[in-house]
Amino acid sequence: MQLQFSPDELNLLADILLNQGDPTGILDRVMVRDLRLDADGLDQLRDLLITHQQGVHTELANTKDAQKQKALQDRRSLLESMVEKVSEACAML
């Protein structure tokens, strides 16, 4: 299954993988914009995104700085979209 992410979503995914490690082994695919993944790869990606989404949610709840809140809200929105796309792809398999 090949996922279709926006450029902002791909950049966020690359950032997450660079900063948190690449347990799924897909960073190279992200860099060339080729996200063809099997069922296991999709499950791992979904878990990674959900974990990061929860961290962003926690950080947002603890942040008082308005600019940082805006950036975190934008990141959370991208993550929600990405999790939804990956979950839909998982359901199709």
N, C-alpha and C. Protein backbone atom coordinates (compact mmCIF):
# COMPACT_ATOMS: atom_id res chain seq x y z
N MET A 1 0.84 -1.17 0.00
CA MET A 1 0.00 0.00 0.00
C MET A 1 0.89 1.23 0.00
N GLN A 2 0.59 2.19 -0.85
CA GLN A 2 1.36 3.43 -0.90
C GLN A 2 0.55 4.56 -0.29
N LEU A 3 1.16 5.24 0.66
CA LEU A 3 0.51 6.38 1.31
C LEU A 3 0.78 7.66 0.54
N GLN A 4 -0.17 8.56 0.61
CA GLN A 4 -0.02 9.87 -0.01
C GLN A 4 -0.04 10.92 1.09
N PHE A 5 1.12 11.45 1.44
CA PHE A 5 1.23 12.50 2.43
C PHE A 5 1.56 13.82 1.74
N SER A 6 1.11 14.91 2.33
CA SER A 6 1.46 16.24 1.82
C SER A 6 2.94 16.50 2.10
N PRO A 7 3.52 17.48 1.43
CA PRO A 7 4.93 17.81 1.72
C PRO A 7 5.16 18.15 3.20
N ASP A 8 4.24 18.87 3.83
CA ASP A 8 4.39 19.18 5.26
C ASP A 8 4.35 17.92 6.11
N GLU A 9 3.47 16.99 5.74
CA GLU A 9 3.39 15.73 6.49
C GLU A 9 4.66 14.91 6.31
N LEU A 10 5.18 14.86 5.09
CA LEU A 10 6.43 14.13 4.86
C LEU A 10 7.59 14.76 5.62
N ASN A 11 7.64 16.08 5.65
CA ASN A 11 8.71 16.75 6.39
C ASN A 11 8.60 16.47 7.88
N LEU A 12 7.37 16.46 8.41
CA LEU A 12 7.18 16.15 9.82
C LEU A 12 7.58 14.71 10.10
N LEU A 13 7.21 13.79 9.24
CA LEU A 13 7.58 12.39 9.43
C LEU A 13 9.09 12.22 9.41
N ALA A 14 9.75 12.88 8.48
CA ALA A 14 11.22 12.81 8.42
C ALA A 14 11.82 13.37 9.70
N ASP A 15 11.29 14.47 10.19
CA ASP A 15 11.77 15.08 11.43
C ASP A 15 11.60 14.12 12.61
N ILE A 16 10.44 13.49 12.70
CA ILE A 16 10.19 12.53 13.78
C ILE A 16 11.18 11.38 13.71
N LEU A 17 11.37 10.83 12.52
CA LEU A 17 12.27 9.69 12.36
C LEU A 17 13.72 10.08 12.65
N LEU A 18 14.12 11.27 12.26
CA LEU A 18 15.48 11.72 12.53
C LEU A 18 15.72 11.94 14.01
N ASN A 19 14.72 12.47 14.71
CA ASN A 19 14.89 12.80 16.13
C ASN A 19 14.62 11.64 17.07
N GLN A 20 13.73 10.74 16.68
CA GLN A 20 13.37 9.64 17.58
C GLN A 20 13.91 8.29 17.14
N GLY A 21 14.63 8.27 16.06
CA GLY A 21 15.12 7.01 15.53
C GLY A 21 14.17 6.49 14.47
N ASP A 22 14.61 5.48 13.77
CA ASP A 22 13.85 4.95 12.65
C ASP A 22 13.61 3.45 12.84
N PRO A 23 12.76 3.08 13.81
CA PRO A 23 12.53 1.66 14.06
C PRO A 23 11.83 0.96 12.90
N THR A 24 11.14 1.72 12.08
CA THR A 24 10.42 1.13 10.95
C THR A 24 11.29 0.96 9.72
N GLY A 25 12.45 1.62 9.69
CA GLY A 25 13.34 1.53 8.54
C GLY A 25 12.82 2.24 7.31
N ILE A 26 11.99 3.27 7.50
CA ILE A 26 11.39 3.93 6.33
C ILE A 26 11.94 5.32 6.04
N LEU A 27 12.91 5.76 6.80
CA LEU A 27 13.42 7.11 6.58
C LEU A 27 13.92 7.30 5.15
N ASP A 28 14.62 6.32 4.62
CA ASP A 28 15.10 6.42 3.24
C ASP A 28 13.94 6.57 2.26
N ARG A 29 12.85 5.87 2.51
CA ARG A 29 11.67 5.98 1.64
C ARG A 29 11.04 7.36 1.76
N VAL A 30 11.02 7.89 2.97
CA VAL A 30 10.45 9.23 3.17
C VAL A 30 11.27 10.25 2.40
N MET A 31 12.57 10.10 2.44
CA MET A 31 13.45 11.06 1.78
C MET A 31 13.25 11.09 0.27
N VAL A 32 12.88 9.96 -0.32
CA VAL A 32 12.63 9.91 -1.77
C VAL A 32 11.14 9.95 -2.09
N ARG A 33 10.33 10.19 -1.05
CA ARG A 33 8.87 10.35 -1.20
C ARG A 33 8.20 9.09 -1.76
N ASP A 34 8.65 7.93 -1.28
CA ASP A 34 8.09 6.65 -1.72
C ASP A 34 7.69 5.84 -0.48
N LEU A 35 6.41 5.91 -0.12
CA LEU A 35 5.94 5.25 1.10
C LEU A 35 5.12 4.00 0.81
N ARG A 36 5.67 3.10 0.04
CA ARG A 36 5.00 1.82 -0.16
C ARG A 36 5.37 0.93 1.02
N LEU A 37 4.36 0.56 1.81
CA LEU A 37 4.60 -0.22 3.02
C LEU A 37 3.70 -1.44 3.06
N ASP A 38 4.20 -2.50 3.70
CA ASP A 38 3.38 -3.68 3.91
C ASP A 38 2.58 -3.47 5.21
N ALA A 39 1.80 -4.46 5.59
CA ALA A 39 0.93 -4.35 6.77
C ALA A 39 1.74 -4.09 8.04
N ASP A 40 2.87 -4.78 8.21
CA ASP A 40 3.69 -4.57 9.40
C ASP A 40 4.27 -3.16 9.43
N GLY A 41 4.71 -2.68 8.28
CA GLY A 41 5.26 -1.33 8.20
C GLY A 41 4.21 -0.28 8.53
N LEU A 42 2.98 -0.50 8.05
CA LEU A 42 1.90 0.43 8.35
C LEU A 42 1.57 0.44 9.85
N ASP A 43 1.53 -0.75 10.45
CA ASP A 43 1.26 -0.84 11.89
C ASP A 43 2.34 -0.13 12.70
N GLN A 44 3.59 -0.34 12.32
CA GLN A 44 4.69 0.31 13.04
C GLN A 44 4.64 1.82 12.86
N LEU A 45 4.33 2.27 11.66
CA LEU A 45 4.23 3.70 11.41
C LEU A 45 3.08 4.31 12.21
N ARG A 46 1.95 3.64 12.22
CA ARG A 46 0.80 4.13 12.99
C ARG A 46 1.15 4.24 14.47
N ASP A 47 1.81 3.23 15.02
CA ASP A 47 2.20 3.26 16.43
C ASP A 47 3.16 4.41 16.71
N LEU A 48 4.12 4.62 15.82
CA LEU A 48 5.09 5.71 15.98
C LEU A 48 4.38 7.07 15.97
N LEU A 49 3.47 7.24 15.02
CA LEU A 49 2.75 8.52 14.91
C LEU A 49 1.85 8.76 16.12
N ILE A 50 1.17 7.72 16.59
CA ILE A 50 0.29 7.87 17.75
C ILE A 50 1.11 8.22 18.99
N THR A 51 2.24 7.58 19.16
CA THR A 51 3.11 7.88 20.30
C THR A 51 3.57 9.33 20.25
N HIS A 52 3.96 9.78 19.07
CA HIS A 52 4.40 11.17 18.93
C HIS A 52 3.22 12.13 19.14
N GLN A 53 2.06 11.77 18.66
CA GLN A 53 0.87 12.59 18.82
C GLN A 53 0.53 12.76 20.31
N GLN A 54 0.65 11.70 21.08
CA GLN A 54 0.39 11.78 22.51
C GLN A 54 1.38 12.71 23.20
N GLY A 55 2.65 12.64 22.78
CA GLY A 55 3.66 13.53 23.33
C GLY A 55 3.38 14.99 23.02
N VAL A 56 2.93 15.26 21.81
CA VAL A 56 2.58 16.63 21.41
C VAL A 56 1.39 17.11 22.23
N HIS A 57 0.41 16.24 22.42
CA HIS A 57 -0.77 16.60 23.21
C HIS A 57 -0.37 16.96 24.65
N THR A 58 0.49 16.17 25.24
CA THR A 58 0.97 16.43 26.60
C THR A 58 1.75 17.74 26.66
N GLU A 59 2.63 17.94 25.70
CA GLU A 59 3.43 19.17 25.66
C GLU A 59 2.53 20.39 25.48
N LEU A 60 1.51 20.26 24.66
CA LEU A 60 0.57 21.35 24.43
C LEU A 60 -0.18 21.71 25.71
N ALA A 61 -0.56 20.70 26.47
CA ALA A 61 -1.28 20.94 27.72
C ALA A 61 -0.42 21.65 28.75
N ASN A 62 0.90 21.49 28.66
CA ASN A 62 1.82 22.06 29.64
C ASN A 62 2.48 23.35 29.18
N THR A 63 2.14 23.83 27.99
CA THR A 63 2.79 25.01 27.43
C THR A 63 1.91 26.24 27.61
N LYS A 64 2.52 27.30 28.08
CA LYS A 64 1.80 28.57 28.26
C LYS A 64 2.14 29.59 27.17
N ASP A 65 3.26 29.41 26.50
CA ASP A 65 3.71 30.32 25.45
C ASP A 65 2.80 30.21 24.22
N ALA A 66 2.19 31.33 23.83
CA ALA A 66 1.22 31.33 22.73
C ALA A 66 1.83 30.89 21.40
N GLN A 67 3.05 31.33 21.11
CA GLN A 67 3.69 30.94 19.85
C GLN A 67 3.98 29.46 19.82
N LYS A 68 4.45 28.93 20.93
CA LYS A 68 4.75 27.50 21.00
C LYS A 68 3.45 26.70 20.92
N GLN A 69 2.38 27.21 21.54
CA GLN A 69 1.10 26.52 21.46
C GLN A 69 0.62 26.44 20.01
N LYS A 70 0.77 27.53 19.27
CA LYS A 70 0.36 27.54 17.86
C LYS A 70 1.13 26.51 17.04
N ALA A 71 2.45 26.48 17.26
CA ALA A 71 3.28 25.51 16.54
C ALA A 71 2.89 24.07 16.90
N LEU A 72 2.61 23.84 18.18
CA LEU A 72 2.20 22.50 18.61
C LEU A 72 0.82 22.13 18.07
N GLN A 73 -0.08 23.10 18.01
CA GLN A 73 -1.40 22.84 17.43
C GLN A 73 -1.30 22.48 15.95
N ASP A 74 -0.43 23.18 15.24
CA ASP A 74 -0.21 22.87 13.83
C ASP A 74 0.36 21.46 13.68
N ARG A 75 1.31 21.13 14.53
CA ARG A 75 1.92 19.79 14.49
C ARG A 75 0.88 18.73 14.82
N ARG A 76 0.06 19.01 15.82
CA ARG A 76 -0.99 18.06 16.20
C ARG A 76 -1.96 17.83 15.05
N SER A 77 -2.32 18.89 14.34
CA SER A 77 -3.23 18.77 13.20
C SER A 77 -2.64 17.89 12.10
N LEU A 78 -1.36 18.11 11.81
CA LEU A 78 -0.69 17.28 10.81
C LEU A 78 -0.66 15.82 11.26
N LEU A 79 -0.35 15.61 12.53
CA LEU A 79 -0.29 14.24 13.05
C LEU A 79 -1.66 13.57 12.99
N GLU A 80 -2.71 14.30 13.32
CA GLU A 80 -4.06 13.72 13.25
C GLU A 80 -4.38 13.27 11.82
N SER A 81 -4.03 14.10 10.86
CA SER A 81 -4.26 13.75 9.46
C SER A 81 -3.45 12.52 9.06
N MET A 82 -2.21 12.47 9.50
CA MET A 82 -1.34 11.35 9.16
C MET A 82 -1.83 10.05 9.79
N VAL A 83 -2.22 10.11 11.06
CA VAL A 83 -2.73 8.91 11.75
C VAL A 83 -3.99 8.42 11.05
N GLU A 84 -4.84 9.34 10.65
CA GLU A 84 -6.07 8.96 9.95
C GLU A 84 -5.75 8.26 8.63
N LYS A 85 -4.81 8.79 7.87
CA LYS A 85 -4.44 8.19 6.59
C LYS A 85 -3.84 6.80 6.78
N VAL A 86 -2.97 6.66 7.78
CA VAL A 86 -2.33 5.36 8.02
C VAL A 86 -3.37 4.36 8.53
N SER A 87 -4.26 4.81 9.40
CA SER A 87 -5.31 3.91 9.92
C SER A 87 -6.22 3.44 8.80
N GLU A 88 -6.57 4.34 7.88
CA GLU A 88 -7.39 3.94 6.73
C GLU A 88 -6.66 2.92 5.87
N ALA A 89 -5.36 3.15 5.67
CA ALA A 89 -4.58 2.19 4.87
C ALA A 89 -4.51 0.84 5.57
N CYS A 90 -4.37 0.83 6.89
CA CYS A 90 -4.35 -0.42 7.64
C CYS A 90 -5.68 -1.18 7.49
N ALA A 91 -6.77 -0.42 7.53
CA ALA A 91 -8.10 -1.04 7.41
C ALA A 91 -8.33 -1.65 6.03
N MET A 92 -7.66 -1.08 5.02
CA MET A 92 -7.82 -1.60 3.66
C MET A 92 -7.10 -2.92 3.43
N LEU A 93 -6.12 -3.21 4.25
CA LEU A 93 -5.35 -4.45 4.07
C LEU A 93 -6.00 -5.63 4.73
